[in-house]
Amino acid sequence: MFAAASGWFFRLRADNADKQQREAFVAWLNVSPQHAAAWDAVQLLFAELEAPAKALRAEHAGDAGPTPSRNLHSANVNRRKRLLVRIPAAAAASLLLLAGVLQSDWWQNRQADYHTVAGEQRRIALADDSTVVLNTDTALKVSLQANQRRVELLRGEAYFQVAHAAERPFWVIAGDTRAKVTGTEFAVKRAAAEVSISVAEGRVETSTVRNTDPILALAPGQTAVYRDGRAAGLEPVDLSRSLAWQQGRIVFVQTPLAEAVEELNRYRGDKLVLTDPALARRPITAVFAVDRPDDAVSALEQTLNVRARRLAGFWVLLG
C-alpha cells in the first residue's frame, strides 16, 4: 500500500494533475482503511523531510556571498557535510527506503501514457480501434503513426486486441523483446529480466530488438519466453490460467509457493515475504480473486498451516 500511496502523492503534485485523477485518488482512498493509513504514512514521511530540505535551501542562500576561489571547493564540501549531519536519522532512512521503492515505478509512470497501480486493472480504447487491457502495476507508452503503431510495455502485463490494418503493423516492445502483428489478440508480460508473449487469436511474430535470435511465429495457444534479451523457448500455454486475470482471478495449479507469492505480490500494496525457506517449493493449487488479496493470505494460513504476521503495514511475513 505504501508504494501505491506514494505513487498517488507524486501524481497529485504533478503539474498535469487533473480533476479525473483527483476523483480517482478519492475513490482509491475510500477503498479500505489500509489505503487511508498508507496515505497518512506517506504524508507524514514527506512532512519529516520538508524541514531538512528548507534548512538546506536557507543555508545555501545564506552562504551565497563571495568566497575566495581557492577556498570555494572546500567551503562547499564542508557545507554539505554540516547539512547532512543535521538531517534526522529517521528521515534519512525513510528517504532511502522511499527512493528504493519508488525510483523505478515512479519514473516509468511519468514516462507512460497509461498505467495502473497495484491491484488496479484498466481497459484502454486506442485511436485505431484497438483495445488494451492493463493488468495490475503496469505502465505503457503508445505511439500511433500513419505507417505503424507502436506500444512500449515499460512494466507489468497487458492484453492486446489489435484492429486489423495490414498497412500499419502493430509493434509491442518490452525491453529487448518485440512482437509484431497486423491484427490479432495476445498478451505480453514483462517482469524483471523475463518477457513472455502468449497468443489467443491470430498470428504473432516475436524477436529481439537487436535481431540476435531468429523470428518466432506464434499460433494460438503458444507462448514465447525471452530471458535477458534472448529467446528461452516456445511452449504451449493454458490460456484459461494465464489470462484468468481478465476475469478477476489468479489461478495456481501445483505452483511452488515461492512463485505463487511472487505473483500475488503484483496485486498487493504490502508484500508477502516467506520467512521459512522450506515452504518455497511447497506446491499449491488454488483460485484467488484479484480484488480480495487478503483472502489469499487467510487461505494460505489454513491450508499450509502457516502464520501471517503484519509488519509496519508494508509486509506480511509468512512462516
Protein backbone atom coordinates (compact mmCIF):
# COMPACT_ATOMS: atom_id res chain seq x y z
CA MET A 1 0.00 0.00 0.00
CA PHE A 2 2.90 2.36 0.77
CA ALA A 3 4.17 2.23 -2.81
CA ALA A 4 0.67 2.83 -4.20
CA ALA A 5 0.08 5.76 -1.83
CA SER A 6 3.46 7.23 -2.76
CA GLY A 7 2.57 6.95 -6.44
CA TRP A 8 -0.61 8.94 -5.80
CA PHE A 9 1.41 11.53 -3.85
CA PHE A 10 3.63 12.27 -6.84
CA ARG A 11 0.79 12.15 -9.39
CA LEU A 12 -1.30 14.67 -7.45
CA ARG A 13 1.68 17.03 -7.11
CA ALA A 14 2.44 16.91 -10.84
CA ASP A 15 1.71 19.97 -12.96
CA ASN A 16 -0.66 18.00 -15.19
CA ALA A 17 -2.79 16.56 -12.35
CA ASP A 18 -6.45 16.99 -13.36
CA LYS A 19 -9.91 16.57 -11.89
CA GLN A 20 -10.21 12.98 -13.17
CA GLN A 21 -7.03 11.95 -11.37
CA ARG A 22 -8.16 13.61 -8.15
CA GLU A 23 -11.50 11.80 -8.33
CA ALA A 24 -9.69 8.51 -8.98
CA PHE A 25 -7.50 9.17 -5.97
CA VAL A 26 -10.51 9.78 -3.73
CA ALA A 27 -12.03 6.51 -4.94
CA TRP A 28 -8.77 4.67 -4.19
CA LEU A 29 -8.52 6.29 -0.77
CA ASN A 30 -12.03 5.16 0.17
CA VAL A 31 -11.49 1.52 -0.81
CA SER A 32 -10.21 0.48 2.62
CA PRO A 33 -8.76 1.83 5.89
CA GLN A 34 -5.40 0.38 4.82
CA HIS A 35 -5.30 2.80 1.88
CA ALA A 36 -6.02 5.73 4.19
CA ALA A 37 -3.35 4.58 6.66
CA ALA A 38 -0.76 4.27 3.87
CA TRP A 39 -1.66 7.76 2.62
CA ASP A 40 -1.20 9.17 6.14
CA ALA A 41 2.20 7.46 6.38
CA VAL A 42 3.35 8.97 3.09
CA GLN A 43 2.26 12.47 4.11
CA LEU A 44 3.99 12.08 7.47
CA LEU A 45 7.20 10.98 5.77
CA PHE A 46 7.30 13.98 3.48
CA ALA A 47 6.42 16.30 6.35
CA GLU A 48 9.50 14.97 8.19
CA LEU A 49 11.65 15.57 5.12
CA GLU A 50 10.32 19.08 4.46
CA ALA A 51 12.13 20.75 7.38
CA PRO A 52 15.61 19.44 6.44
CA ALA A 53 15.00 20.48 2.85
CA LYS A 54 14.07 24.03 3.92
CA ALA A 55 17.14 24.20 6.14
CA LEU A 56 19.28 23.12 3.20
CA ARG A 57 17.84 25.84 0.96
CA ALA A 58 18.12 28.51 3.67
CA GLU A 59 21.75 27.77 4.50
CA HIS A 60 22.63 27.57 0.82
CA ALA A 61 21.05 31.00 0.28
CA GLY A 62 22.83 32.39 3.36
CA ASP A 63 26.20 31.17 2.14
CA ALA A 64 25.76 32.66 -1.32
CA GLY A 65 28.12 35.58 -0.59
CA PRO A 66 31.55 35.90 -2.21
CA THR A 67 34.05 33.16 -1.44
CA PRO A 68 37.71 33.23 -2.43
CA SER A 69 38.09 30.95 -5.44
CA ARG A 70 40.86 28.91 -3.86
CA ASN A 71 38.59 28.02 -0.92
CA LEU A 72 35.37 27.53 -2.92
CA HIS A 73 35.59 23.74 -3.24
CA SER A 74 36.45 23.11 0.42
CA ALA A 75 33.71 25.53 1.56
CA ASN A 76 31.08 23.69 -0.49
CA VAL A 77 32.23 20.31 0.78
CA ASN A 78 32.14 21.43 4.40
CA ARG A 79 28.69 23.00 3.98
CA ARG A 80 27.28 19.78 2.51
CA LYS A 81 28.75 17.75 5.36
CA ARG A 82 27.24 20.06 8.00
CA LEU A 83 23.79 19.95 6.42
CA LEU A 84 23.79 16.19 6.00
CA VAL A 85 24.61 15.73 9.68
CA ARG A 86 21.56 17.82 10.58
CA ILE A 87 19.09 15.63 8.72
CA PRO A 88 17.26 13.44 11.27
CA ALA A 89 18.35 9.83 11.03
CA ALA A 90 14.77 8.59 10.77
CA ALA A 91 14.01 10.94 7.90
CA ALA A 92 17.20 9.96 6.07
CA ALA A 93 16.40 6.27 6.45
CA SER A 94 12.87 6.87 5.22
CA LEU A 95 14.19 8.77 2.23
CA LEU A 96 16.47 5.89 1.26
CA LEU A 97 13.61 3.41 1.62
CA LEU A 98 11.31 5.59 -0.44
CA ALA A 99 13.90 6.04 -3.16
CA GLY A 100 14.37 2.28 -3.44
CA VAL A 101 10.65 1.60 -3.63
CA LEU A 102 9.65 4.40 -5.96
CA GLN A 103 12.54 5.17 -8.22
CA SER A 104 11.71 2.73 -11.00
CA ASP A 105 7.91 2.75 -10.89
CA TRP A 106 7.61 6.49 -10.39
CA TRP A 107 9.86 7.28 -13.33
CA GLN A 108 8.10 4.77 -15.57
CA ASN A 109 4.71 6.22 -14.65
CA ARG A 110 5.97 9.68 -15.58
CA GLN A 111 7.02 8.34 -18.99
CA ALA A 112 3.88 6.30 -19.58
CA ASP A 113 0.70 7.31 -21.37
CA TYR A 114 -1.28 4.84 -19.26
CA HIS A 115 -0.51 2.99 -16.04
CA THR A 116 -2.12 1.12 -13.18
CA VAL A 117 -1.22 0.77 -9.51
CA ALA A 118 -1.10 -2.48 -7.55
CA GLY A 119 -4.49 -4.20 -7.64
CA GLU A 120 -5.88 -1.97 -10.39
CA GLN A 121 -6.96 -3.06 -13.89
CA ARG A 122 -7.86 -0.73 -16.73
CA ARG A 123 -9.26 -1.02 -20.27
CA ILE A 124 -7.95 1.47 -22.84
CA ALA A 125 -9.56 2.17 -26.23
CA LEU A 126 -6.87 3.33 -28.67
CA ALA A 127 -7.49 5.74 -31.54
CA ASP A 128 -7.01 2.96 -34.15
CA ASP A 129 -9.95 0.97 -32.67
CA SER A 130 -7.59 -1.44 -30.90
CA THR A 131 -8.09 -2.17 -27.20
CA VAL A 132 -5.53 -2.70 -24.46
CA VAL A 133 -6.36 -4.14 -21.04
CA LEU A 134 -3.78 -3.29 -18.39
CA ASN A 135 -3.30 -5.68 -15.52
CA THR A 136 -2.05 -4.71 -12.07
CA ASP A 137 1.02 -2.44 -11.69
CA THR A 138 1.51 -1.86 -15.41
CA ALA A 139 2.84 1.07 -17.45
CA LEU A 140 2.96 1.57 -21.21
CA LYS A 141 3.62 4.20 -23.87
CA VAL A 142 1.60 4.46 -27.09
CA SER A 143 2.60 5.95 -30.44
CA LEU A 144 0.15 5.65 -33.37
CA GLN A 145 1.60 6.83 -36.66
CA ALA A 146 0.47 6.73 -40.27
CA ASN A 147 2.72 3.81 -41.22
CA GLN A 148 2.92 1.88 -37.95
CA ARG A 149 1.51 1.51 -34.45
CA ARG A 150 3.90 1.13 -31.54
CA VAL A 151 3.37 0.34 -27.86
CA GLU A 152 6.18 0.09 -25.31
CA LEU A 153 5.44 -2.02 -22.23
CA LEU A 154 7.57 -0.45 -19.51
CA ARG A 155 6.50 -2.98 -16.87
CA GLY A 156 3.64 -5.29 -15.98
CA GLU A 157 1.17 -7.15 -18.18
CA ALA A 158 -1.27 -6.19 -20.92
CA TYR A 159 -3.74 -7.89 -23.25
CA PHE A 160 -3.99 -6.51 -26.77
CA GLN A 161 -6.98 -6.75 -29.13
CA VAL A 162 -5.49 -5.28 -32.28
CA ALA A 163 -7.68 -3.85 -35.03
CA HIS A 164 -6.64 -5.27 -38.41
CA ALA A 165 -4.61 -2.91 -40.59
CA ALA A 166 -2.20 -4.71 -42.93
CA GLU A 167 -0.54 -1.46 -43.96
CA ARG A 168 0.05 -0.38 -40.33
CA PRO A 169 1.82 -3.13 -38.36
CA PHE A 170 1.30 -3.09 -34.59
CA TRP A 171 4.50 -3.43 -32.57
CA VAL A 172 4.80 -4.14 -28.86
CA ILE A 173 8.26 -3.51 -27.37
CA ALA A 174 9.12 -4.93 -23.94
CA GLY A 175 12.75 -4.38 -23.05
CA ASP A 176 14.85 -6.19 -25.66
CA THR A 177 11.85 -8.18 -26.93
CA ARG A 178 9.33 -7.18 -29.58
CA ALA A 179 6.17 -8.58 -31.11
CA LYS A 180 4.65 -7.70 -34.47
CA VAL A 181 1.06 -8.20 -35.65
CA THR A 182 -1.35 -6.65 -38.10
CA GLY A 183 -4.48 -7.71 -36.25
CA THR A 184 -4.90 -10.31 -33.52
CA GLU A 185 -5.28 -10.89 -29.74
CA PHE A 186 -2.33 -11.62 -27.48
CA ALA A 187 -0.85 -10.88 -24.07
CA VAL A 188 2.60 -9.59 -23.12
CA LYS A 189 4.04 -9.83 -19.61
CA ARG A 190 7.26 -8.16 -18.51
CA ALA A 191 8.75 -8.98 -15.12
CA ALA A 192 12.38 -8.25 -14.23
CA ALA A 193 14.55 -9.80 -16.96
CA GLU A 194 11.80 -12.05 -18.38
CA VAL A 195 9.23 -11.32 -21.09
CA SER A 196 6.50 -13.72 -22.18
CA ILE A 197 4.17 -13.35 -25.18
CA SER A 198 1.04 -15.53 -25.35
CA VAL A 199 -1.30 -15.69 -28.36
CA ALA A 200 -5.07 -16.08 -28.04
CA GLU A 201 -6.08 -15.45 -31.66
CA GLY A 202 -4.30 -14.93 -34.98
CA ARG A 203 -0.54 -14.95 -35.51
CA VAL A 204 2.24 -13.08 -33.73
CA GLU A 205 5.89 -12.74 -34.76
CA THR A 206 8.37 -12.23 -31.96
CA SER A 207 12.06 -11.42 -31.98
CA THR A 208 14.72 -9.47 -30.12
CA VAL A 209 15.21 -5.80 -30.88
CA ARG A 210 18.78 -6.48 -31.99
CA ASN A 211 17.70 -9.49 -34.09
CA THR A 212 20.19 -11.72 -32.28
CA ASP A 213 17.66 -14.60 -32.34
CA PRO A 214 15.51 -15.93 -35.20
CA ILE A 215 11.95 -14.68 -35.55
CA LEU A 216 9.43 -16.92 -33.79
CA ALA A 217 5.96 -17.23 -35.33
CA LEU A 218 3.35 -17.97 -32.63
CA ALA A 219 -0.05 -19.57 -33.16
CA PRO A 220 -3.00 -19.50 -30.73
CA GLY A 221 -2.20 -21.34 -27.50
CA GLN A 222 1.56 -20.77 -27.76
CA THR A 223 3.90 -18.68 -25.61
CA ALA A 224 7.37 -17.37 -26.38
CA VAL A 225 9.62 -16.66 -23.40
CA TYR A 226 12.63 -14.34 -23.50
CA ARG A 227 15.14 -14.02 -20.67
CA ASP A 228 17.85 -11.38 -20.54
CA GLY A 229 17.09 -10.41 -24.11
CA ARG A 230 17.46 -13.92 -25.53
CA ALA A 231 14.86 -16.45 -26.66
CA ALA A 232 14.39 -19.08 -23.94
CA GLY A 233 11.80 -21.24 -25.63
CA LEU A 234 8.47 -21.73 -27.35
CA GLU A 235 5.87 -23.71 -25.42
CA PRO A 236 2.12 -24.37 -25.19
CA VAL A 237 0.14 -22.30 -22.69
CA ASP A 238 -3.12 -22.82 -20.85
CA LEU A 239 -4.84 -19.55 -21.72
CA SER A 240 -7.64 -20.16 -19.22
CA ARG A 241 -5.00 -19.93 -16.48
CA SER A 242 -2.59 -17.36 -17.86
CA LEU A 243 -5.39 -14.95 -18.83
CA ALA A 244 -7.63 -15.60 -15.82
CA TRP A 245 -6.72 -12.15 -14.50
CA GLN A 246 -9.08 -10.66 -17.08
CA GLN A 247 -11.95 -12.34 -15.23
CA GLY A 248 -10.57 -11.11 -11.91
CA ARG A 249 -8.94 -14.41 -10.89
CA ILE A 250 -5.45 -15.74 -10.18
CA VAL A 251 -5.14 -19.49 -10.81
CA PHE A 252 -2.41 -21.73 -9.42
CA VAL A 253 -2.07 -25.42 -10.27
CA GLN A 254 0.68 -27.25 -8.37
CA THR A 255 2.63 -23.99 -8.31
CA PRO A 256 5.61 -23.69 -5.93
CA LEU A 257 4.66 -21.35 -3.10
CA ALA A 258 7.58 -19.00 -3.83
CA GLU A 259 6.26 -18.46 -7.38
CA ALA A 260 2.71 -18.03 -6.10
CA VAL A 261 3.84 -15.41 -3.56
CA GLU A 262 5.71 -13.53 -6.28
CA GLU A 263 2.56 -13.46 -8.43
CA LEU A 264 0.28 -12.46 -5.55
CA ASN A 265 2.61 -9.60 -4.65
CA ARG A 266 1.90 -8.00 -8.01
CA TYR A 267 -1.65 -7.32 -6.80
CA ARG A 268 -0.79 -6.08 -3.32
CA GLY A 269 0.35 -2.78 -1.84
CA ASP A 270 2.03 -4.57 1.05
CA LYS A 271 4.23 -7.54 0.22
CA LEU A 272 4.19 -11.19 1.27
CA VAL A 273 7.54 -12.49 2.50
CA LEU A 274 8.35 -16.16 3.12
CA THR A 275 10.34 -16.49 6.35
CA ASP A 276 10.66 -20.29 6.16
CA PRO A 277 12.76 -21.42 3.16
CA ALA A 278 11.28 -24.91 3.45
CA LEU A 279 7.96 -23.51 2.26
CA ALA A 280 9.32 -22.14 -1.01
CA ARG A 281 8.91 -25.35 -3.04
CA ARG A 282 5.67 -26.46 -1.47
CA PRO A 283 3.07 -26.71 -4.27
CA ILE A 284 -0.34 -25.10 -4.05
CA THR A 285 -3.48 -25.38 -6.18
CA ALA A 286 -5.91 -22.53 -5.66
CA VAL A 287 -8.01 -19.80 -7.24
CA PHE A 288 -7.97 -16.31 -5.71
CA ALA A 289 -9.86 -13.12 -6.53
CA VAL A 290 -7.57 -10.27 -7.58
CA ASP A 291 -9.67 -7.71 -5.71
CA ARG A 292 -9.55 -9.63 -2.41
CA PRO A 293 -5.83 -10.11 -1.76
CA ASP A 294 -6.22 -10.82 1.96
CA ASP A 295 -8.37 -13.87 1.19
CA ALA A 296 -5.24 -15.47 -0.26
CA VAL A 297 -3.36 -14.86 2.99
CA SER A 298 -6.15 -16.45 5.04
CA ALA A 299 -6.30 -19.44 2.69
CA LEU A 300 -2.53 -19.98 2.90
CA GLU A 301 -2.70 -19.87 6.68
CA GLN A 302 -5.42 -22.52 6.78
CA THR A 303 -4.19 -24.89 4.07
CA LEU A 304 -0.44 -24.73 4.73
CA ASN A 305 -0.65 -24.29 8.50
CA VAL A 306 1.46 -21.14 8.40
CA ARG A 307 1.16 -17.95 10.41
CA ALA A 308 0.87 -14.49 8.84
CA ARG A 309 2.35 -11.57 10.75
CA ARG A 310 1.95 -8.00 9.57
CA LEU A 311 4.99 -5.77 9.90
CA ALA A 312 4.78 -1.95 9.81
CA GLY A 313 1.82 -2.11 7.43
CA PHE A 314 4.12 -2.79 4.46
CA TRP A 315 4.99 -6.50 4.78
CA VAL A 316 3.17 -9.74 5.66
CA LEU A 317 5.55 -12.39 6.96
CA LEU A 318 4.55 -15.99 6.21
CA GLY A 319 6.18 -18.75 8.19
